[in-house]
Amino acid sequence: MDIQKFHRTVPLHPAHKPYLVTQDPNGGFWIDHCFCFGASPASSNSGMISAAVHDIWHARGVHPVAKIEDDLAVFRTPKPDGRYTYDRESALALIEQLGIPWHSPDKKGDPFFIPEFIFIGLQWDIPRQRVSLPEEK
C-alpha cells in the first residue's frame, strides 16, 4: 500500500509556521509553508503517519506489517482452520478515522495478500523466499 501524494497531504497547524524557518546557503530565510518533509530529526511527517498505522494495526492484530516511510506491506497467515483473522476491508476499517488517502492498487502498489509483489522497489516472492530486482529496474 502506498500513501497518495504523501509529501502534500500532511497538514501543518498555522501556529507552528513561524518556527519552521530554514536558511539558504546565501543567508536568506524561508518559511516552510507546507512542511512537506517534516522536522529533520523525524523520518518525515508521512513516516510518522504510517508509523501510527503500523502501531494501530499491530495493537489490533493486523501483523506483520513492513513499513518504509509511506509504503506499507501487510502480511497475514491462516489460522489452523485455514481462515484468516482479517482481510483488506477489515484492516482498513481499523484506521479509517485517520483519513489517509491511499493510492489505488491499479495505479501504485499492489492488492493486499498476494504472494509476489513490488515493495520499496524490489520484487518480493514469498513462496520462494526470494527478493530480487525487477526487470524494469
N, C-alpha and C. Protein backbone atom coordinates (compact mmCIF):
# COMPACT_ATOMS: atom_id res chain seq x y z
N MET A 1 0.84 -1.17 0.00
CA MET A 1 0.00 0.00 0.00
C MET A 1 0.89 1.23 0.00
N ASP A 2 0.38 2.27 -0.60
CA ASP A 2 1.18 3.49 -0.72
C ASP A 2 0.29 4.69 -0.42
N ILE A 3 0.76 5.59 0.43
CA ILE A 3 0.01 6.80 0.75
C ILE A 3 0.09 7.75 -0.45
N GLN A 4 -1.06 8.23 -0.88
CA GLN A 4 -1.16 9.07 -2.06
C GLN A 4 -0.59 10.46 -1.79
N LYS A 5 0.32 10.92 -2.65
CA LYS A 5 0.91 12.26 -2.57
C LYS A 5 1.31 12.61 -1.15
N PHE A 6 2.04 11.71 -0.52
CA PHE A 6 2.25 11.83 0.92
C PHE A 6 3.00 13.08 1.34
N HIS A 7 3.80 13.68 0.49
CA HIS A 7 4.50 14.91 0.89
C HIS A 7 3.57 16.12 0.86
N ARG A 8 2.41 15.97 0.23
CA ARG A 8 1.50 17.11 0.11
C ARG A 8 0.21 16.94 0.90
N THR A 9 0.03 15.81 1.58
CA THR A 9 -1.24 15.58 2.25
C THR A 9 -1.16 15.68 3.76
N VAL A 10 -0.01 16.03 4.30
CA VAL A 10 0.15 16.13 5.74
C VAL A 10 -0.10 17.59 6.15
N PRO A 11 -1.11 17.82 6.99
CA PRO A 11 -1.41 19.21 7.37
C PRO A 11 -0.40 19.78 8.35
N LEU A 12 -0.34 21.09 8.37
CA LEU A 12 0.52 21.82 9.29
C LEU A 12 -0.34 22.83 10.02
N HIS A 13 -0.25 22.86 11.33
CA HIS A 13 -1.02 23.81 12.10
C HIS A 13 -0.45 25.21 11.85
N PRO A 14 -1.28 26.18 11.48
CA PRO A 14 -0.79 27.52 11.17
C PRO A 14 0.06 28.14 12.28
N ALA A 15 -0.24 27.87 13.53
CA ALA A 15 0.54 28.46 14.62
C ALA A 15 1.97 27.95 14.66
N HIS A 16 2.24 26.86 14.01
CA HIS A 16 3.60 26.30 14.01
C HIS A 16 4.49 26.90 12.93
N LYS A 17 3.92 27.54 11.93
CA LYS A 17 4.69 28.05 10.80
C LYS A 17 5.86 28.97 11.17
N PRO A 18 5.71 29.89 12.13
CA PRO A 18 6.84 30.77 12.46
C PRO A 18 8.08 30.01 12.95
N TYR A 19 7.89 28.80 13.39
CA TYR A 19 9.01 28.02 13.93
C TYR A 19 9.64 27.10 12.90
N LEU A 20 9.13 27.15 11.69
CA LEU A 20 9.62 26.26 10.63
C LEU A 20 10.35 27.07 9.57
N VAL A 21 11.39 27.70 9.99
CA VAL A 21 12.18 28.57 9.12
C VAL A 21 13.50 27.88 8.81
N THR A 22 13.89 27.93 7.54
CA THR A 22 15.19 27.37 7.13
C THR A 22 16.03 28.48 6.51
N GLN A 23 17.33 28.30 6.55
CA GLN A 23 18.24 29.29 5.98
C GLN A 23 18.88 28.71 4.74
N ASP A 24 18.88 29.50 3.66
CA ASP A 24 19.52 29.02 2.43
C ASP A 24 21.03 29.34 2.46
N PRO A 25 21.79 28.80 1.51
CA PRO A 25 23.25 28.99 1.52
C PRO A 25 23.69 30.46 1.40
N ASN A 26 22.80 31.33 0.89
CA ASN A 26 23.13 32.74 0.72
C ASN A 26 22.74 33.59 1.93
N GLY A 27 22.25 32.96 2.99
CA GLY A 27 21.89 33.70 4.20
C GLY A 27 20.44 34.11 4.28
N GLY A 28 19.64 33.80 3.23
CA GLY A 28 18.21 34.12 3.27
C GLY A 28 17.45 33.14 4.14
N PHE A 29 16.32 33.60 4.66
CA PHE A 29 15.48 32.74 5.50
C PHE A 29 14.14 32.50 4.81
N TRP A 30 13.65 31.29 4.93
CA TRP A 30 12.42 30.88 4.26
C TRP A 30 11.52 30.14 5.24
N ILE A 31 10.22 30.45 5.18
CA ILE A 31 9.25 29.72 6.00
C ILE A 31 8.75 28.54 5.18
N ASP A 32 8.74 27.37 5.79
CA ASP A 32 8.25 26.16 5.14
C ASP A 32 6.73 26.12 5.33
N HIS A 33 5.99 26.64 4.35
CA HIS A 33 4.53 26.74 4.47
C HIS A 33 3.82 25.40 4.43
N CYS A 34 4.42 24.42 3.79
CA CYS A 34 3.75 23.13 3.65
C CYS A 34 4.32 22.06 4.57
N PHE A 35 5.56 22.26 5.03
CA PHE A 35 6.20 21.30 5.92
C PHE A 35 6.20 19.90 5.30
N CYS A 36 6.53 19.88 4.02
CA CYS A 36 6.43 18.65 3.24
C CYS A 36 7.20 17.49 3.83
N PHE A 37 8.39 17.71 4.30
CA PHE A 37 9.24 16.59 4.68
C PHE A 37 9.39 16.43 6.19
N GLY A 38 8.74 17.25 6.96
CA GLY A 38 8.78 17.10 8.40
C GLY A 38 10.05 17.67 9.01
N ALA A 39 10.15 17.51 10.30
CA ALA A 39 11.32 18.00 11.02
C ALA A 39 12.51 17.09 10.75
N SER A 40 13.70 17.67 10.72
CA SER A 40 14.89 16.88 10.39
C SER A 40 15.13 15.71 11.33
N PRO A 41 14.78 15.77 12.63
CA PRO A 41 15.01 14.61 13.47
C PRO A 41 13.96 13.51 13.28
N ALA A 42 12.88 13.79 12.54
CA ALA A 42 11.84 12.79 12.31
C ALA A 42 12.06 12.12 10.96
N SER A 43 11.33 11.03 10.75
CA SER A 43 11.50 10.31 9.48
C SER A 43 10.68 10.93 8.36
N SER A 44 9.94 11.91 8.61
CA SER A 44 9.09 12.72 7.75
C SER A 44 7.69 12.66 8.34
N ASN A 45 6.89 13.63 7.97
CA ASN A 45 5.52 13.64 8.50
C ASN A 45 4.77 12.38 8.10
N SER A 46 4.86 11.99 6.85
CA SER A 46 4.13 10.80 6.42
C SER A 46 4.69 9.55 7.06
N GLY A 47 5.99 9.54 7.30
CA GLY A 47 6.57 8.40 8.00
C GLY A 47 6.00 8.27 9.40
N MET A 48 5.71 9.39 10.03
CA MET A 48 5.10 9.36 11.35
C MET A 48 3.66 8.86 11.26
N ILE A 49 2.96 9.23 10.19
CA ILE A 49 1.58 8.76 9.99
C ILE A 49 1.57 7.25 9.74
N SER A 50 2.45 6.78 8.87
CA SER A 50 2.49 5.34 8.61
C SER A 50 2.95 4.58 9.85
N ALA A 51 3.75 5.20 10.71
CA ALA A 51 4.13 4.56 11.97
C ALA A 51 2.91 4.41 12.87
N ALA A 52 2.03 5.41 12.86
CA ALA A 52 0.79 5.30 13.63
C ALA A 52 -0.09 4.18 13.10
N VAL A 53 -0.18 4.09 11.76
CA VAL A 53 -0.94 2.99 11.15
C VAL A 53 -0.36 1.65 11.59
N HIS A 54 0.95 1.53 11.49
CA HIS A 54 1.63 0.30 11.89
C HIS A 54 1.31 -0.05 13.34
N ASP A 55 1.40 0.93 14.23
CA ASP A 55 1.16 0.69 15.66
C ASP A 55 -0.29 0.30 15.93
N ILE A 56 -1.23 0.98 15.28
CA ILE A 56 -2.65 0.65 15.47
C ILE A 56 -2.92 -0.76 14.97
N TRP A 57 -2.44 -1.06 13.76
CA TRP A 57 -2.67 -2.40 13.22
C TRP A 57 -2.06 -3.47 14.12
N HIS A 58 -0.85 -3.24 14.59
CA HIS A 58 -0.19 -4.24 15.43
C HIS A 58 -0.99 -4.47 16.72
N ALA A 59 -1.47 -3.38 17.33
CA ALA A 59 -2.24 -3.49 18.56
C ALA A 59 -3.58 -4.19 18.33
N ARG A 60 -4.11 -4.10 17.11
CA ARG A 60 -5.41 -4.70 16.80
C ARG A 60 -5.29 -6.05 16.09
N GLY A 61 -4.07 -6.60 16.01
CA GLY A 61 -3.89 -7.95 15.48
C GLY A 61 -3.61 -8.05 13.99
N VAL A 62 -3.40 -6.91 13.33
CA VAL A 62 -3.04 -6.93 11.90
C VAL A 62 -1.53 -6.86 11.82
N HIS A 63 -0.90 -8.00 11.61
CA HIS A 63 0.56 -8.05 11.53
C HIS A 63 1.00 -9.39 10.96
N PRO A 64 2.19 -9.45 10.44
CA PRO A 64 3.20 -8.40 10.42
C PRO A 64 2.94 -7.38 9.31
N VAL A 65 3.47 -6.18 9.53
CA VAL A 65 3.39 -5.09 8.56
C VAL A 65 4.79 -4.53 8.38
N ALA A 66 5.28 -4.53 7.14
CA ALA A 66 6.56 -3.90 6.83
C ALA A 66 6.27 -2.45 6.44
N LYS A 67 7.11 -1.50 6.92
CA LYS A 67 6.86 -0.09 6.67
C LYS A 67 8.16 0.63 6.33
N ILE A 68 8.15 1.36 5.23
CA ILE A 68 9.22 2.28 4.88
C ILE A 68 8.54 3.58 4.46
N GLU A 69 8.66 4.61 5.29
CA GLU A 69 8.03 5.91 5.05
C GLU A 69 6.54 5.77 4.70
N ASP A 70 6.17 5.99 3.42
CA ASP A 70 4.76 5.97 3.04
C ASP A 70 4.32 4.64 2.43
N ASP A 71 5.19 3.65 2.41
CA ASP A 71 4.88 2.34 1.84
C ASP A 71 4.69 1.32 2.94
N LEU A 72 3.60 0.56 2.85
CA LEU A 72 3.33 -0.49 3.83
C LEU A 72 3.00 -1.78 3.10
N ALA A 73 3.54 -2.87 3.59
CA ALA A 73 3.22 -4.20 3.07
C ALA A 73 2.60 -4.99 4.21
N VAL A 74 1.36 -5.40 4.03
CA VAL A 74 0.61 -6.11 5.07
C VAL A 74 0.62 -7.60 4.75
N PHE A 75 0.96 -8.39 5.74
CA PHE A 75 1.00 -9.84 5.59
C PHE A 75 -0.04 -10.48 6.49
N ARG A 76 -0.35 -11.73 6.21
CA ARG A 76 -1.22 -12.50 7.10
C ARG A 76 -0.95 -13.98 6.89
N THR A 77 -1.25 -14.75 7.90
CA THR A 77 -1.11 -16.20 7.82
C THR A 77 -2.43 -16.82 8.26
N PRO A 78 -2.77 -17.96 7.70
CA PRO A 78 -4.05 -18.58 8.07
C PRO A 78 -4.00 -19.19 9.47
N LYS A 79 -5.16 -19.21 10.10
CA LYS A 79 -5.32 -19.90 11.37
C LYS A 79 -5.32 -21.41 11.07
N PRO A 80 -5.26 -22.25 12.09
CA PRO A 80 -5.25 -23.70 11.85
C PRO A 80 -6.44 -24.20 11.01
N ASP A 81 -7.58 -23.51 11.09
CA ASP A 81 -8.75 -23.93 10.30
C ASP A 81 -8.70 -23.43 8.85
N GLY A 82 -7.61 -22.71 8.49
CA GLY A 82 -7.44 -22.22 7.12
C GLY A 82 -8.03 -20.85 6.87
N ARG A 83 -8.76 -20.31 7.83
CA ARG A 83 -9.34 -18.97 7.66
C ARG A 83 -8.36 -17.91 8.16
N TYR A 84 -8.63 -16.66 7.76
CA TYR A 84 -7.79 -15.53 8.16
C TYR A 84 -8.54 -14.65 9.15
N THR A 85 -7.82 -13.98 10.01
CA THR A 85 -8.46 -13.12 11.01
C THR A 85 -8.82 -11.74 10.46
N TYR A 86 -8.26 -11.35 9.33
CA TYR A 86 -8.61 -10.06 8.74
C TYR A 86 -8.44 -10.12 7.24
N ASP A 87 -9.14 -9.20 6.57
CA ASP A 87 -8.99 -9.01 5.13
C ASP A 87 -8.70 -7.52 4.90
N ARG A 88 -8.61 -7.11 3.65
CA ARG A 88 -8.28 -5.73 3.33
C ARG A 88 -9.27 -4.74 3.97
N GLU A 89 -10.56 -5.03 3.80
CA GLU A 89 -11.58 -4.11 4.28
C GLU A 89 -11.54 -3.98 5.81
N SER A 90 -11.41 -5.09 6.51
CA SER A 90 -11.41 -5.00 7.97
C SER A 90 -10.14 -4.32 8.50
N ALA A 91 -9.01 -4.53 7.82
CA ALA A 91 -7.77 -3.85 8.23
C ALA A 91 -7.89 -2.35 8.01
N LEU A 92 -8.41 -1.96 6.86
CA LEU A 92 -8.56 -0.52 6.58
C LEU A 92 -9.60 0.12 7.49
N ALA A 93 -10.62 -0.62 7.89
CA ALA A 93 -11.65 -0.07 8.78
C ALA A 93 -11.04 0.33 10.13
N LEU A 94 -10.01 -0.36 10.57
CA LEU A 94 -9.37 -0.05 11.85
C LEU A 94 -8.68 1.32 11.86
N ILE A 95 -8.31 1.82 10.67
CA ILE A 95 -7.58 3.10 10.58
C ILE A 95 -8.35 4.13 9.78
N GLU A 96 -9.61 3.84 9.49
CA GLU A 96 -10.42 4.73 8.65
C GLU A 96 -10.48 6.16 9.18
N GLN A 97 -10.57 6.33 10.50
CA GLN A 97 -10.69 7.66 11.08
C GLN A 97 -9.46 8.53 10.84
N LEU A 98 -8.33 7.94 10.47
CA LEU A 98 -7.13 8.72 10.18
C LEU A 98 -7.26 9.49 8.86
N GLY A 99 -8.16 9.05 7.98
CA GLY A 99 -8.39 9.75 6.72
C GLY A 99 -7.23 9.70 5.74
N ILE A 100 -6.49 8.63 5.74
CA ILE A 100 -5.31 8.51 4.87
C ILE A 100 -5.74 8.28 3.42
N PRO A 101 -5.24 9.10 2.50
CA PRO A 101 -5.56 8.88 1.08
C PRO A 101 -4.61 7.83 0.49
N TRP A 102 -5.12 6.66 0.19
CA TRP A 102 -4.30 5.58 -0.36
C TRP A 102 -4.34 5.58 -1.87
N HIS A 103 -3.21 5.29 -2.50
CA HIS A 103 -3.22 5.04 -3.94
C HIS A 103 -4.04 3.80 -4.20
N SER A 104 -4.77 3.79 -5.31
CA SER A 104 -5.47 2.56 -5.66
C SER A 104 -4.42 1.56 -6.17
N PRO A 105 -4.62 0.26 -5.88
CA PRO A 105 -3.61 -0.75 -6.27
C PRO A 105 -3.31 -0.78 -7.76
N ASP A 106 -4.26 -0.37 -8.60
CA ASP A 106 -4.00 -0.41 -10.04
C ASP A 106 -3.10 0.74 -10.50
N LYS A 107 -2.92 1.77 -9.66
CA LYS A 107 -2.05 2.90 -10.02
C LYS A 107 -0.67 2.81 -9.38
N LYS A 108 -0.62 2.40 -8.11
CA LYS A 108 0.66 2.29 -7.43
C LYS A 108 0.47 1.33 -6.26
N GLY A 109 1.40 0.44 -6.12
CA GLY A 109 1.28 -0.56 -5.08
C GLY A 109 0.65 -1.84 -5.63
N ASP A 110 0.26 -2.71 -4.76
CA ASP A 110 -0.32 -3.99 -5.14
C ASP A 110 -1.55 -4.25 -4.28
N PRO A 111 -2.41 -5.15 -4.74
CA PRO A 111 -3.52 -5.56 -3.87
C PRO A 111 -2.99 -6.24 -2.62
N PHE A 112 -3.80 -6.28 -1.59
CA PHE A 112 -3.41 -6.98 -0.37
C PHE A 112 -3.23 -8.47 -0.62
N PHE A 113 -2.32 -9.06 0.13
CA PHE A 113 -2.21 -10.50 0.30
C PHE A 113 -1.98 -11.29 -0.98
N ILE A 114 -1.10 -10.80 -1.83
CA ILE A 114 -0.68 -11.58 -2.98
C ILE A 114 0.72 -12.11 -2.69
N PRO A 115 1.07 -13.29 -3.19
CA PRO A 115 2.35 -13.90 -2.80
C PRO A 115 3.58 -13.26 -3.44
N GLU A 116 3.41 -12.54 -4.55
CA GLU A 116 4.52 -11.85 -5.20
C GLU A 116 4.11 -10.40 -5.41
N PHE A 117 5.00 -9.46 -5.03
CA PHE A 117 4.64 -8.05 -5.12
C PHE A 117 5.90 -7.20 -5.12
N ILE A 118 5.73 -5.94 -5.54
CA ILE A 118 6.81 -4.96 -5.51
C ILE A 118 6.66 -4.15 -4.23
N PHE A 119 7.74 -4.04 -3.45
CA PHE A 119 7.74 -3.24 -2.23
C PHE A 119 9.11 -2.59 -2.11
N ILE A 120 9.14 -1.30 -1.91
CA ILE A 120 10.34 -0.46 -1.86
C ILE A 120 11.26 -0.72 -3.06
N GLY A 121 10.63 -0.91 -4.22
CA GLY A 121 11.37 -1.08 -5.47
C GLY A 121 11.93 -2.46 -5.72
N LEU A 122 11.63 -3.41 -4.87
CA LEU A 122 12.13 -4.78 -5.03
C LEU A 122 10.98 -5.75 -5.24
N GLN A 123 11.25 -6.81 -5.97
CA GLN A 123 10.27 -7.86 -6.22
C GLN A 123 10.35 -8.89 -5.08
N TRP A 124 9.27 -9.05 -4.35
CA TRP A 124 9.21 -9.98 -3.23
C TRP A 124 8.43 -11.21 -3.66
N ASP A 125 9.01 -12.37 -3.50
CA ASP A 125 8.37 -13.65 -3.81
C ASP A 125 8.33 -14.46 -2.52
N ILE A 126 7.20 -14.39 -1.84
CA ILE A 126 7.08 -15.02 -0.52
C ILE A 126 7.17 -16.55 -0.59
N PRO A 127 6.46 -17.22 -1.49
CA PRO A 127 6.56 -18.69 -1.52
C PRO A 127 7.98 -19.21 -1.75
N ARG A 128 8.75 -18.49 -2.57
CA ARG A 128 10.12 -18.93 -2.86
C ARG A 128 11.14 -18.33 -1.88
N GLN A 129 10.66 -17.47 -0.99
CA GLN A 129 11.52 -16.77 -0.02
C GLN A 129 12.69 -16.07 -0.75
N ARG A 130 12.29 -15.25 -1.75
CA ARG A 130 13.30 -14.60 -2.58
C ARG A 130 12.94 -13.13 -2.79
N VAL A 131 13.94 -12.28 -2.78
CA VAL A 131 13.80 -10.87 -3.09
C VAL A 131 14.74 -10.57 -4.24
N SER A 132 14.24 -9.89 -5.27
CA SER A 132 15.09 -9.61 -6.43
C SER A 132 14.78 -8.23 -6.98
N LEU A 133 15.63 -7.79 -7.88
CA LEU A 133 15.45 -6.51 -8.57
C LEU A 133 14.53 -6.76 -9.76
N PRO A 134 13.42 -6.02 -9.87
CA PRO A 134 12.52 -6.22 -11.00
C PRO A 134 13.20 -5.93 -12.34
N GLU A 135 12.73 -6.57 -13.36
CA GLU A 135 13.29 -6.43 -14.71
C GLU A 135 13.33 -4.97 -15.15
N GLU A 136 12.28 -4.20 -14.88
CA GLU A 136 12.23 -2.80 -15.32
C GLU A 136 13.25 -1.92 -14.60
N LYS A 137 13.76 -2.32 -13.46
CA LYS A 137 14.79 -1.56 -12.75
C LYS A 137 16.14 -1.78 -13.41
